């Protein structure tokens, strides 16, 4: 199928649940979901591109219902892929879990990036350093506006009880930055390299994170 056909499936799911696509509602994005294939790492526009065996396909879904927003995403393998990409996907999911484990009341926000960075370095990976996590709730992007998922210094912000945020590291086999393509939306890794992203929306509590975008 094409990425446009896949997006239509997503649009039907949202409509069935009474939800509204956040990218369309807020940014007038040309699709219900963001679908990025292979060299595209984020904000890919659904269209005529045919998904083929061996592809890495990232689907990023953000939506609102009754005035509340949530954001989630994952990278999927289509059929068999090269072993290094299989491992990248497995470790990308793990990187997201490690970041979530750092979320709790009164903990430092930099703990997320520090933990993910340690995991990435140990595995020989890089992290895309201009695509950050963010606050979410009554809008798609709220304060804290940028939450690095890579190691940083000098940030003294702490996680308040009840804070709603995304955790979404972009793990790569060499990419460091995301550059915008000619269409004004789609992002590509620089240097060019495979990238995976796994994302959840979480709520900070005294006992840790509640993940609200896990399947029910």
N, C-alpha and C. Protein backbone atom coordinates (compact mmCIF):
# COMPACT_ATOMS: atom_id res chain seq x y z
N UNK A 1 0.84 -1.19 0.00
CA UNK A 1 0.00 0.00 0.00
C UNK A 1 0.88 1.25 0.00
N UNK A 2 0.27 2.37 -0.29
CA UNK A 2 0.99 3.64 -0.24
C UNK A 2 0.87 4.23 1.17
N UNK A 3 1.73 5.22 1.44
CA UNK A 3 1.64 5.89 2.73
C UNK A 3 0.32 6.65 2.86
N UNK A 4 -0.24 7.12 1.75
CA UNK A 4 -1.54 7.79 1.79
C UNK A 4 -2.64 6.82 2.19
N UNK A 5 -2.59 5.60 1.67
CA UNK A 5 -3.59 4.59 2.03
C UNK A 5 -3.47 4.22 3.51
N UNK A 6 -2.24 4.12 4.01
CA UNK A 6 -2.03 3.85 5.43
C UNK A 6 -2.57 4.99 6.28
N UNK A 7 -2.36 6.21 5.84
CA UNK A 7 -2.86 7.38 6.56
C UNK A 7 -4.38 7.38 6.61
N UNK A 8 -5.03 6.93 5.56
CA UNK A 8 -6.49 6.87 5.54
C UNK A 8 -7.03 5.90 6.60
N UNK A 9 -6.27 4.80 6.82
CA UNK A 9 -6.65 3.87 7.89
C UNK A 9 -6.58 4.57 9.24
N UNK A 10 -5.47 5.32 9.45
CA UNK A 10 -5.34 6.07 10.70
C UNK A 10 -6.44 7.09 10.89
N UNK A 11 -6.81 7.77 9.81
CA UNK A 11 -7.87 8.78 9.88
C UNK A 11 -9.20 8.14 10.29
N UNK A 12 -9.47 6.95 9.77
CA UNK A 12 -10.72 6.26 10.11
C UNK A 12 -10.74 5.85 11.58
N UNK A 13 -9.58 5.40 12.10
CA UNK A 13 -9.50 5.05 13.52
C UNK A 13 -9.79 6.27 14.39
N UNK A 14 -9.17 7.40 14.05
CA UNK A 14 -9.39 8.61 14.83
C UNK A 14 -10.86 9.02 14.80
N UNK A 15 -11.44 8.99 13.61
CA UNK A 15 -12.85 9.38 13.48
C UNK A 15 -13.75 8.45 14.28
N UNK A 16 -13.45 7.16 14.24
CA UNK A 16 -14.27 6.19 14.98
C UNK A 16 -14.27 6.47 16.47
N UNK A 17 -13.14 6.96 17.00
CA UNK A 17 -13.02 7.22 18.44
C UNK A 17 -13.41 8.65 18.81
N UNK A 18 -13.84 9.43 17.83
CA UNK A 18 -14.23 10.80 18.12
C UNK A 18 -13.06 11.72 18.38
N UNK A 19 -11.89 11.36 17.86
CA UNK A 19 -10.67 12.15 18.05
C UNK A 19 -10.35 12.96 16.79
N UNK A 20 -9.52 13.97 16.98
CA UNK A 20 -9.15 14.88 15.89
C UNK A 20 -7.64 14.84 15.72
N UNK A 21 -7.18 14.75 14.49
CA UNK A 21 -5.74 14.78 14.21
C UNK A 21 -5.15 16.10 14.66
N UNK A 22 -4.18 16.06 15.58
CA UNK A 22 -3.58 17.30 16.08
C UNK A 22 -2.76 18.03 15.03
N UNK A 23 -1.94 17.35 14.22
CA UNK A 23 -1.19 18.08 13.19
C UNK A 23 -2.09 18.83 12.21
N UNK A 24 -3.21 18.20 11.84
CA UNK A 24 -4.14 18.87 10.94
C UNK A 24 -4.81 20.05 11.64
N UNK A 25 -5.23 19.84 12.86
CA UNK A 25 -5.98 20.86 13.59
C UNK A 25 -5.13 22.09 13.89
N UNK A 26 -3.89 21.87 14.32
CA UNK A 26 -3.06 22.97 14.80
C UNK A 26 -2.16 23.54 13.72
N UNK A 27 -1.57 22.67 12.90
CA UNK A 27 -0.55 23.12 11.94
C UNK A 27 -0.98 23.00 10.49
N UNK A 28 -2.22 22.55 10.25
CA UNK A 28 -2.70 22.35 8.88
C UNK A 28 -1.79 21.39 8.12
N UNK A 29 -1.34 20.33 8.81
CA UNK A 29 -0.49 19.32 8.19
C UNK A 29 -1.30 18.54 7.14
N UNK A 30 -0.70 18.22 6.00
CA UNK A 30 -1.43 17.54 4.92
C UNK A 30 -1.55 16.04 5.13
N UNK A 31 -2.10 15.63 6.24
CA UNK A 31 -2.30 14.22 6.54
C UNK A 31 -2.85 14.09 7.94
N UNK A 32 -3.50 12.97 8.23
CA UNK A 32 -4.00 12.73 9.59
C UNK A 32 -2.87 12.30 10.51
N UNK A 33 -1.88 11.62 9.94
CA UNK A 33 -0.72 11.14 10.70
C UNK A 33 0.55 11.51 9.94
N UNK A 34 1.68 11.45 10.64
CA UNK A 34 2.98 11.64 10.00
C UNK A 34 3.57 10.27 9.72
N UNK A 35 3.90 9.99 8.46
CA UNK A 35 4.44 8.68 8.09
C UNK A 35 5.77 8.89 7.36
N UNK A 36 6.84 8.38 7.95
CA UNK A 36 8.19 8.61 7.44
C UNK A 36 8.84 7.27 7.11
N UNK A 37 9.39 7.16 5.91
CA UNK A 37 9.94 5.89 5.42
C UNK A 37 11.44 6.02 5.18
N UNK A 38 12.21 5.11 5.77
CA UNK A 38 13.65 4.99 5.54
C UNK A 38 14.40 6.29 5.80
N UNK A 39 14.81 6.98 4.73
CA UNK A 39 15.64 8.18 4.89
C UNK A 39 14.86 9.34 5.51
N UNK A 40 13.52 9.26 5.47
CA UNK A 40 12.69 10.25 6.15
C UNK A 40 12.62 9.86 7.63
N UNK A 41 12.91 10.79 8.54
CA UNK A 41 12.96 10.40 9.95
C UNK A 41 11.82 10.98 10.78
N UNK A 42 11.13 11.97 10.26
CA UNK A 42 10.00 12.55 11.01
C UNK A 42 9.19 13.46 10.10
N UNK A 43 7.91 13.62 10.45
CA UNK A 43 7.00 14.57 9.80
C UNK A 43 6.82 14.28 8.30
N UNK A 44 6.96 13.01 7.92
CA UNK A 44 6.74 12.64 6.53
C UNK A 44 5.29 12.82 6.12
N UNK A 45 5.07 13.37 4.92
CA UNK A 45 3.72 13.61 4.40
C UNK A 45 3.20 12.35 3.72
N UNK A 46 2.03 11.83 4.13
CA UNK A 46 1.46 10.68 3.43
C UNK A 46 1.21 11.01 1.96
N UNK A 47 1.52 10.05 1.09
CA UNK A 47 1.37 10.31 -0.33
C UNK A 47 1.47 9.05 -1.16
N UNK A 48 1.99 9.14 -2.38
CA UNK A 48 1.99 8.00 -3.31
C UNK A 48 3.13 7.00 -3.08
N UNK A 49 4.02 7.27 -2.14
CA UNK A 49 5.14 6.35 -1.92
C UNK A 49 4.62 4.97 -1.49
N UNK A 50 5.09 3.93 -2.17
CA UNK A 50 4.67 2.57 -1.86
C UNK A 50 5.59 1.98 -0.80
N UNK A 51 5.01 1.42 0.24
CA UNK A 51 5.78 0.77 1.30
C UNK A 51 6.18 -0.61 0.83
N UNK A 52 7.46 -0.94 0.95
CA UNK A 52 7.99 -2.19 0.41
C UNK A 52 8.67 -3.02 1.49
N UNK A 53 8.86 -4.30 1.21
CA UNK A 53 9.56 -5.18 2.13
C UNK A 53 10.96 -4.63 2.39
N UNK A 54 11.38 -4.67 3.66
CA UNK A 54 12.68 -4.16 4.04
C UNK A 54 12.69 -2.72 4.48
N UNK A 55 11.54 -2.04 4.36
CA UNK A 55 11.46 -0.64 4.76
C UNK A 55 11.33 -0.49 6.28
N UNK A 56 11.84 0.64 6.77
CA UNK A 56 11.53 1.10 8.12
C UNK A 56 10.48 2.19 7.99
N UNK A 57 9.36 2.03 8.67
CA UNK A 57 8.25 2.98 8.57
C UNK A 57 7.94 3.54 9.95
N UNK A 58 8.08 4.85 10.11
CA UNK A 58 7.74 5.50 11.35
C UNK A 58 6.36 6.13 11.23
N UNK A 59 5.48 5.80 12.18
CA UNK A 59 4.14 6.37 12.21
C UNK A 59 4.01 7.17 13.49
N UNK A 60 3.77 8.47 13.35
CA UNK A 60 3.66 9.38 14.49
C UNK A 60 2.22 9.90 14.53
N UNK A 61 1.52 9.58 15.62
CA UNK A 61 0.11 9.93 15.73
C UNK A 61 -0.08 10.84 16.94
N UNK A 62 -0.63 12.00 16.72
CA UNK A 62 -1.02 12.88 17.81
C UNK A 62 -2.45 13.33 17.55
N UNK A 63 -3.23 13.37 18.62
CA UNK A 63 -4.65 13.65 18.44
C UNK A 63 -5.21 14.31 19.69
N UNK A 64 -6.39 14.90 19.54
CA UNK A 64 -7.10 15.50 20.67
C UNK A 64 -8.51 14.92 20.75
N UNK A 65 -9.02 14.88 21.97
CA UNK A 65 -10.40 14.49 22.20
C UNK A 65 -10.89 15.21 23.44
N UNK A 66 -12.02 15.87 23.32
CA UNK A 66 -12.60 16.62 24.43
C UNK A 66 -11.62 17.64 25.01
N UNK A 67 -10.77 18.19 24.16
CA UNK A 67 -9.85 19.24 24.59
C UNK A 67 -8.53 18.76 25.16
N UNK A 68 -8.29 17.45 25.18
CA UNK A 68 -7.04 16.90 25.69
C UNK A 68 -6.25 16.26 24.56
N UNK A 69 -4.91 16.46 24.60
CA UNK A 69 -4.02 15.99 23.54
C UNK A 69 -3.09 14.90 24.06
N UNK A 70 -2.73 13.99 23.17
CA UNK A 70 -1.69 12.99 23.44
C UNK A 70 -0.92 12.74 22.15
N UNK A 71 0.27 12.19 22.30
CA UNK A 71 1.21 12.07 21.18
C UNK A 71 1.96 10.74 21.34
N UNK A 72 2.01 9.96 20.28
CA UNK A 72 2.73 8.68 20.33
C UNK A 72 3.28 8.35 18.95
N UNK A 73 4.25 7.45 18.92
CA UNK A 73 4.84 7.07 17.64
C UNK A 73 5.68 5.83 17.79
N UNK A 74 5.96 5.18 16.66
CA UNK A 74 6.81 3.99 16.67
C UNK A 74 7.34 3.75 15.27
N UNK A 75 8.47 3.06 15.21
CA UNK A 75 9.06 2.65 13.95
C UNK A 75 8.81 1.16 13.76
N UNK A 76 8.31 0.80 12.58
CA UNK A 76 7.95 -0.58 12.29
C UNK A 76 8.83 -1.14 11.18
N UNK A 77 9.16 -2.41 11.29
CA UNK A 77 9.91 -3.12 10.25
C UNK A 77 8.91 -3.79 9.32
N UNK A 78 9.09 -3.63 8.03
CA UNK A 78 8.22 -4.26 7.04
C UNK A 78 8.93 -5.49 6.51
N UNK A 79 8.48 -6.67 6.97
CA UNK A 79 9.14 -7.90 6.56
C UNK A 79 10.54 -7.97 7.15
N UNK A 80 11.37 -8.85 6.63
CA UNK A 80 12.74 -8.97 7.14
C UNK A 80 13.58 -7.74 6.78
N UNK A 81 14.36 -7.29 7.75
CA UNK A 81 15.28 -6.18 7.51
C UNK A 81 16.68 -6.64 7.90
N UNK A 82 17.67 -5.84 7.59
CA UNK A 82 19.04 -6.19 7.92
C UNK A 82 19.18 -6.31 9.44
N UNK A 83 20.04 -7.24 9.90
CA UNK A 83 20.18 -7.45 11.35
C UNK A 83 20.48 -6.17 12.13
N UNK A 84 21.30 -5.28 11.57
CA UNK A 84 21.64 -4.06 12.31
C UNK A 84 20.43 -3.16 12.47
N UNK A 85 19.49 -3.20 11.50
CA UNK A 85 18.27 -2.41 11.63
C UNK A 85 17.30 -3.07 12.61
N UNK A 86 17.29 -4.40 12.64
CA UNK A 86 16.49 -5.12 13.63
C UNK A 86 16.93 -4.73 15.04
N UNK A 87 18.23 -4.70 15.25
CA UNK A 87 18.78 -4.33 16.56
C UNK A 87 18.51 -2.86 16.87
N UNK A 88 18.62 -2.00 15.86
CA UNK A 88 18.34 -0.59 16.06
C UNK A 88 16.90 -0.38 16.54
N UNK A 89 15.96 -1.09 15.94
CA UNK A 89 14.56 -0.97 16.36
C UNK A 89 14.39 -1.46 17.80
N UNK A 90 14.98 -2.57 18.10
CA UNK A 90 14.86 -3.13 19.45
C UNK A 90 15.45 -2.17 20.49
N UNK A 91 16.62 -1.61 20.17
CA UNK A 91 17.26 -0.69 21.11
C UNK A 91 16.58 0.67 21.14
N UNK A 92 15.95 1.07 20.04
CA UNK A 92 15.19 2.32 20.04
C UNK A 92 14.02 2.25 21.00
N UNK A 93 13.34 1.12 21.00
CA UNK A 93 12.23 0.93 21.94
C UNK A 93 12.75 0.94 23.38
N UNK A 94 13.92 0.32 23.58
CA UNK A 94 14.52 0.29 24.91
C UNK A 94 14.92 1.69 25.36
N UNK A 95 15.45 2.50 24.44
CA UNK A 95 15.84 3.87 24.78
C UNK A 95 14.64 4.67 25.28
N UNK A 96 13.49 4.47 24.66
CA UNK A 96 12.28 5.17 25.11
C UNK A 96 11.91 4.72 26.52
N UNK A 97 11.98 3.43 26.78
CA UNK A 97 11.65 2.90 28.11
C UNK A 97 12.60 3.45 29.17
N UNK A 98 13.87 3.56 28.81
CA UNK A 98 14.86 4.09 29.75
C UNK A 98 14.54 5.56 30.07
N UNK A 99 14.17 6.32 29.05
CA UNK A 99 13.78 7.71 29.29
C UNK A 99 12.57 7.81 30.19
N UNK A 100 11.58 6.98 29.95
CA UNK A 100 10.36 7.00 30.77
C UNK A 100 10.67 6.66 32.22
N UNK A 101 11.63 5.78 32.43
CA UNK A 101 11.97 5.36 33.80
C UNK A 101 12.53 6.51 34.64
N UNK A 102 12.94 7.59 33.99
CA UNK A 102 13.49 8.74 34.70
C UNK A 102 12.43 9.77 35.08
N UNK A 103 11.17 9.51 34.71
CA UNK A 103 10.10 10.48 34.96
C UNK A 103 9.43 10.19 36.29
N UNK A 104 9.49 11.14 37.20
CA UNK A 104 8.79 11.08 38.49
C UNK A 104 8.82 12.47 39.10
N UNK A 105 7.94 12.70 40.05
CA UNK A 105 7.84 14.01 40.70
C UNK A 105 9.18 14.43 41.30
N UNK A 106 9.54 15.70 41.04
CA UNK A 106 10.71 16.36 41.62
C UNK A 106 12.05 15.79 41.14
N UNK A 107 12.04 15.03 40.08
CA UNK A 107 13.29 14.58 39.50
C UNK A 107 13.75 15.60 38.44
N UNK A 108 15.04 15.65 38.12
CA UNK A 108 15.51 16.61 37.12
C UNK A 108 15.11 16.21 35.71
N UNK A 109 14.70 17.20 34.92
CA UNK A 109 14.35 16.91 33.52
C UNK A 109 15.56 16.38 32.75
N UNK A 110 16.76 16.84 33.10
CA UNK A 110 17.95 16.41 32.36
C UNK A 110 18.24 14.93 32.59
N UNK A 111 17.61 14.33 33.61
CA UNK A 111 17.83 12.91 33.85
C UNK A 111 17.38 12.04 32.69
N UNK A 112 16.37 12.50 31.94
CA UNK A 112 15.89 11.74 30.79
C UNK A 112 16.99 11.63 29.74
N UNK A 113 17.54 12.79 29.33
CA UNK A 113 18.59 12.78 28.32
C UNK A 113 19.87 12.12 28.79
N UNK A 114 20.18 12.28 30.07
CA UNK A 114 21.40 11.67 30.61
C UNK A 114 21.32 10.15 30.53
N UNK A 115 20.18 9.58 30.92
CA UNK A 115 20.02 8.13 30.90
C UNK A 115 19.98 7.59 29.47
N UNK A 116 19.25 8.27 28.59
CA UNK A 116 19.19 7.83 27.20
C UNK A 116 20.56 7.95 26.53
N UNK A 117 21.26 9.04 26.83
CA UNK A 117 22.59 9.23 26.25
C UNK A 117 23.57 8.16 26.68
N UNK A 118 23.52 7.77 27.92
CA UNK A 118 24.40 6.71 28.42
C UNK A 118 24.13 5.40 27.70
N UNK A 119 22.85 5.08 27.52
CA UNK A 119 22.47 3.87 26.80
C UNK A 119 22.94 3.92 25.34
N UNK A 120 22.72 5.07 24.69
CA UNK A 120 23.11 5.22 23.29
C UNK A 120 24.62 5.08 23.11
N UNK A 121 25.37 5.74 23.98
CA UNK A 121 26.83 5.67 23.88
C UNK A 121 27.34 4.25 24.07
N UNK A 122 26.78 3.54 25.02
CA UNK A 122 27.19 2.17 25.28
C UNK A 122 26.93 1.27 24.07
N UNK A 123 25.84 1.53 23.35
CA UNK A 123 25.49 0.72 22.19
C UNK A 123 26.12 1.18 20.90
N UNK A 124 26.90 2.26 20.94
CA UNK A 124 27.52 2.78 19.73
C UNK A 124 26.58 3.56 18.84
N UNK A 125 25.51 4.10 19.43
CA UNK A 125 24.53 4.86 18.67
C UNK A 125 24.74 6.37 18.84
N UNK A 126 24.08 7.13 17.98
CA UNK A 126 23.99 8.57 18.13
C UNK A 126 22.53 8.95 18.37
N UNK A 127 22.31 10.19 18.76
CA UNK A 127 20.96 10.71 18.99
C UNK A 127 20.75 11.97 18.17
N UNK A 128 19.59 12.08 17.54
CA UNK A 128 19.25 13.31 16.83
C UNK A 128 19.03 14.41 17.86
N UNK A 129 19.82 15.48 17.77
CA UNK A 129 19.89 16.45 18.87
C UNK A 129 19.12 17.74 18.63
N UNK A 130 18.23 17.74 17.67
CA UNK A 130 17.34 18.90 17.56
C UNK A 130 15.88 18.47 17.40
N UNK A 131 15.57 17.26 17.85
CA UNK A 131 14.19 16.80 17.94
C UNK A 131 13.96 16.36 19.39
N UNK A 132 13.31 17.20 20.16
CA UNK A 132 13.20 16.99 21.60
C UNK A 132 11.81 16.54 22.00
N UNK A 133 11.73 16.01 23.22
CA UNK A 133 10.44 15.76 23.86
C UNK A 133 9.81 17.11 24.25
N UNK A 134 8.55 17.08 24.71
CA UNK A 134 7.86 18.35 24.99
C UNK A 134 6.69 18.10 25.92
N UNK A 135 6.23 19.17 26.55
CA UNK A 135 5.00 19.10 27.30
C UNK A 135 3.81 18.96 26.37
N UNK A 136 2.73 18.34 26.87
CA UNK A 136 1.53 18.12 26.07
C UNK A 136 0.36 18.02 27.03
N UNK A 137 -0.84 18.31 26.53
CA UNK A 137 -2.01 18.23 27.42
C UNK A 137 -3.20 18.95 26.85
N UNK A 138 -3.24 20.26 27.04
CA UNK A 138 -4.33 21.08 26.48
C UNK A 138 -3.99 21.59 25.08
N UNK A 139 -2.75 21.35 24.66
CA UNK A 139 -2.33 21.61 23.29
C UNK A 139 -1.26 20.58 22.95
N UNK A 140 -0.89 20.49 21.69
CA UNK A 140 0.08 19.48 21.28
C UNK A 140 1.47 19.78 21.83
N UNK A 141 1.83 21.06 21.87
CA UNK A 141 3.13 21.46 22.41
C UNK A 141 2.92 22.50 23.51
N UNK A 142 3.33 22.15 24.72
CA UNK A 142 3.19 23.03 25.87
C UNK A 142 4.52 23.10 26.60
N UNK A 143 4.56 23.96 27.63
CA UNK A 143 5.73 23.99 28.50
C UNK A 143 5.79 22.71 29.34
N UNK A 144 7.00 22.19 29.61
CA UNK A 144 8.29 22.69 29.11
C UNK A 144 8.44 22.44 27.62
N UNK A 145 8.78 23.49 26.89
CA UNK A 145 8.73 23.46 25.44
C UNK A 145 9.73 22.54 24.79
N UNK A 146 10.88 22.35 25.38
CA UNK A 146 11.88 21.45 24.80
C UNK A 146 12.54 20.65 25.92
N UNK A 147 12.43 19.34 25.82
CA UNK A 147 13.01 18.43 26.82
C UNK A 147 14.01 17.56 26.09
N UNK A 148 15.31 17.83 26.20
CA UNK A 148 16.30 17.06 25.45
C UNK A 148 16.29 15.58 25.83
N UNK A 149 16.40 14.73 24.84
CA UNK A 149 16.58 13.29 25.07
C UNK A 149 18.03 12.90 24.79
N UNK A 150 18.91 13.85 24.94
CA UNK A 150 20.35 13.65 24.83
C UNK A 150 20.99 14.39 26.01
N UNK A 151 22.22 14.06 26.38
CA UNK A 151 22.83 14.70 27.56
C UNK A 151 23.04 16.19 27.37
N UNK A 152 22.66 16.96 28.38
CA UNK A 152 22.87 18.42 28.38
C UNK A 152 23.36 18.85 29.76
N UNK A 153 23.84 20.09 29.80
CA UNK A 153 24.29 20.66 31.08
C UNK A 153 23.62 22.01 31.31
N UNK A 154 23.54 22.40 32.57
CA UNK A 154 23.06 23.73 32.90
C UNK A 154 21.56 23.89 32.99
N UNK A 155 20.83 22.82 32.77
CA UNK A 155 19.36 22.88 32.84
C UNK A 155 18.94 22.45 34.24
N UNK A 156 18.37 23.37 35.01
CA UNK A 156 18.01 23.08 36.41
C UNK A 156 16.51 22.79 36.58
N UNK A 157 15.79 22.66 35.51
CA UNK A 157 14.36 22.40 35.62
C UNK A 157 14.09 21.03 36.27
N UNK A 158 12.99 20.97 37.02
CA UNK A 158 12.60 19.72 37.65
C UNK A 158 11.20 19.32 37.19
N UNK A 159 10.88 18.08 37.37
CA UNK A 159 9.60 17.54 36.94
C UNK A 159 8.57 17.76 38.05
N UNK A 160 7.54 18.51 37.75
CA UNK A 160 6.48 18.74 38.73
C UNK A 160 5.50 17.57 38.75
N UNK A 161 4.92 17.32 39.91
CA UNK A 161 3.88 16.30 40.00
C UNK A 161 2.73 16.64 39.07
N UNK A 162 2.30 15.68 38.27
CA UNK A 162 1.21 15.90 37.33
C UNK A 162 1.62 16.41 35.97
N UNK A 163 2.93 16.68 35.79
CA UNK A 163 3.39 17.14 34.48
C UNK A 163 3.11 16.07 33.43
N UNK A 164 2.55 16.51 32.31
CA UNK A 164 2.30 15.60 31.18
C UNK A 164 3.31 15.95 30.08
N UNK A 165 4.03 14.95 29.61
CA UNK A 165 5.08 15.18 28.63
C UNK A 165 5.24 13.97 27.74
N UNK A 166 5.93 14.18 26.63
CA UNK A 166 6.31 13.05 25.77
C UNK A 166 7.74 12.63 26.11
N UNK A 167 8.04 11.38 25.83
CA UNK A 167 9.42 10.88 25.85
C UNK A 167 9.64 10.24 24.49
N UNK A 168 10.56 10.80 23.69
CA UNK A 168 10.68 10.37 22.30
C UNK A 168 12.11 10.51 21.76
N UNK A 169 13.03 9.69 22.22
CA UNK A 169 14.38 9.74 21.67
C UNK A 169 14.42 9.25 20.23
N UNK A 170 15.27 9.88 19.42
CA UNK A 170 15.52 9.46 18.05
C UNK A 170 16.90 8.82 18.02
N UNK A 171 16.94 7.49 18.00
CA UNK A 171 18.19 6.73 18.05
C UNK A 171 18.66 6.45 16.63
N UNK A 172 19.97 6.61 16.39
CA UNK A 172 20.48 6.53 15.02
C UNK A 172 21.81 5.78 14.94
N UNK A 173 22.10 5.35 13.74
CA UNK A 173 23.39 4.73 13.43
C UNK A 173 24.34 5.76 12.83
N UNK A 174 24.32 6.98 13.34
CA UNK A 174 25.25 8.00 12.88
C UNK A 174 24.67 9.38 12.68
N UNK A 175 23.35 9.50 12.61
CA UNK A 175 22.73 10.81 12.43
C UNK A 175 22.83 11.66 13.68
N UNK A 176 23.01 12.98 13.50
CA UNK A 176 23.15 13.91 14.62
C UNK A 176 22.09 15.01 14.62
N UNK A 177 21.60 15.37 13.44
CA UNK A 177 20.67 16.49 13.32
C UNK A 177 19.55 16.13 12.36
N UNK A 178 18.44 16.82 12.48
CA UNK A 178 17.33 16.68 11.54
C UNK A 178 17.27 17.94 10.68
N UNK A 179 17.32 17.75 9.37
CA UNK A 179 17.22 18.86 8.42
C UNK A 179 15.91 18.77 7.65
N UNK A 180 15.31 19.91 7.40
CA UNK A 180 14.04 19.98 6.70
C UNK A 180 14.23 19.82 5.20
N UNK A 181 13.34 19.02 4.58
CA UNK A 181 13.38 18.82 3.14
C UNK A 181 12.67 19.91 2.38
N UNK A 182 12.57 19.74 1.07
CA UNK A 182 12.02 20.77 0.19
C UNK A 182 10.53 20.99 0.39
N UNK A 183 9.82 19.98 0.95
CA UNK A 183 8.37 20.14 1.09
C UNK A 183 7.98 20.96 2.31
N UNK A 184 8.96 21.37 3.10
CA UNK A 184 8.67 22.20 4.26
C UNK A 184 8.21 21.44 5.49
N UNK A 185 8.13 20.11 5.40
CA UNK A 185 7.68 19.29 6.52
C UNK A 185 8.65 18.16 6.85
N UNK A 186 8.95 17.34 5.84
CA UNK A 186 9.70 16.10 6.06
C UNK A 186 11.12 16.39 6.53
N UNK A 187 11.56 15.63 7.55
CA UNK A 187 12.89 15.80 8.12
C UNK A 187 13.78 14.60 7.76
N UNK A 188 15.07 14.90 7.55
CA UNK A 188 16.05 13.91 7.15
C UNK A 188 17.26 14.00 8.08
N UNK A 189 17.90 12.87 8.34
CA UNK A 189 19.07 12.85 9.23
C UNK A 189 20.29 13.42 8.52
N UNK A 190 21.06 14.19 9.28
CA UNK A 190 22.37 14.67 8.84
C UNK A 190 23.39 14.37 9.92
N UNK A 191 24.47 13.65 9.57
CA UNK A 191 24.72 12.95 8.32
C UNK A 191 23.63 11.89 8.07
N UNK A 192 23.47 11.50 6.80
CA UNK A 192 22.45 10.52 6.44
C UNK A 192 22.74 9.19 7.14
N UNK A 193 21.74 8.65 7.82
CA UNK A 193 21.89 7.40 8.56
C UNK A 193 20.51 6.92 8.99
N UNK A 194 20.35 5.61 9.22
CA UNK A 194 19.07 5.11 9.71
C UNK A 194 18.74 5.69 11.09
N UNK A 195 17.45 5.99 11.30
CA UNK A 195 16.97 6.55 12.56
C UNK A 195 15.66 5.87 12.93
N UNK A 196 15.48 5.58 14.22
CA UNK A 196 14.18 5.09 14.70
C UNK A 196 13.71 5.98 15.85
N UNK A 197 12.40 6.03 16.01
CA UNK A 197 11.80 6.82 17.08
C UNK A 197 10.66 6.04 17.69
N UNK A 198 10.63 6.03 19.03
CA UNK A 198 9.52 5.45 19.78
C UNK A 198 9.10 6.50 20.80
N UNK A 199 7.79 6.72 20.90
CA UNK A 199 7.30 7.85 21.69
C UNK A 199 6.06 7.47 22.47
N UNK A 200 6.00 7.95 23.72
CA UNK A 200 4.80 7.82 24.52
C UNK A 200 4.51 9.14 25.23
N UNK A 201 3.26 9.35 25.56
CA UNK A 201 2.86 10.45 26.44
C UNK A 201 2.73 9.89 27.85
N UNK A 202 3.34 10.58 28.82
CA UNK A 202 3.36 10.08 30.19
C UNK A 202 2.96 11.19 31.16
N UNK A 203 2.51 10.77 32.34
CA UNK A 203 2.16 11.69 33.42
C UNK A 203 3.07 11.40 34.60
N UNK A 204 3.71 12.44 35.12
CA UNK A 204 4.64 12.26 36.25
C UNK A 204 3.87 12.17 37.56
N UNK A 205 4.18 11.14 38.35
CA UNK A 205 3.60 10.98 39.68
C UNK A 205 4.73 10.74 40.68
N UNK A 206 4.39 10.70 41.96
CA UNK A 206 5.41 10.43 42.98
C UNK A 206 6.02 9.04 42.82
N UNK A 207 5.29 8.13 42.22
CA UNK A 207 5.76 6.75 42.07
C UNK A 207 6.37 6.47 40.71
N UNK A 208 6.43 7.48 39.85
CA UNK A 208 6.98 7.28 38.53
C UNK A 208 6.02 7.76 37.46
N UNK A 209 6.20 7.21 36.25
CA UNK A 209 5.41 7.67 35.10
C UNK A 209 4.21 6.78 34.85
N UNK A 210 3.07 7.41 34.57
CA UNK A 210 1.91 6.70 34.03
C UNK A 210 1.95 6.89 32.52
N UNK A 211 2.02 5.81 31.77
CA UNK A 211 2.06 5.87 30.31
C UNK A 211 0.63 5.82 29.78
N UNK A 212 0.18 6.91 29.20
CA UNK A 212 -1.23 6.99 28.79
C UNK A 212 -1.46 6.58 27.35
N UNK A 213 -0.39 6.34 26.59
CA UNK A 213 -0.55 5.96 25.18
C UNK A 213 -0.24 4.49 24.92
N UNK A 214 -0.21 3.67 25.96
CA UNK A 214 -0.13 2.23 25.75
C UNK A 214 -1.49 1.71 25.32
N UNK A 215 -1.53 0.65 24.50
CA UNK A 215 -2.82 0.08 24.10
C UNK A 215 -3.64 -0.33 25.31
N UNK A 216 -4.93 -0.09 25.25
CA UNK A 216 -5.82 -0.43 26.36
C UNK A 216 -6.17 -1.91 26.40
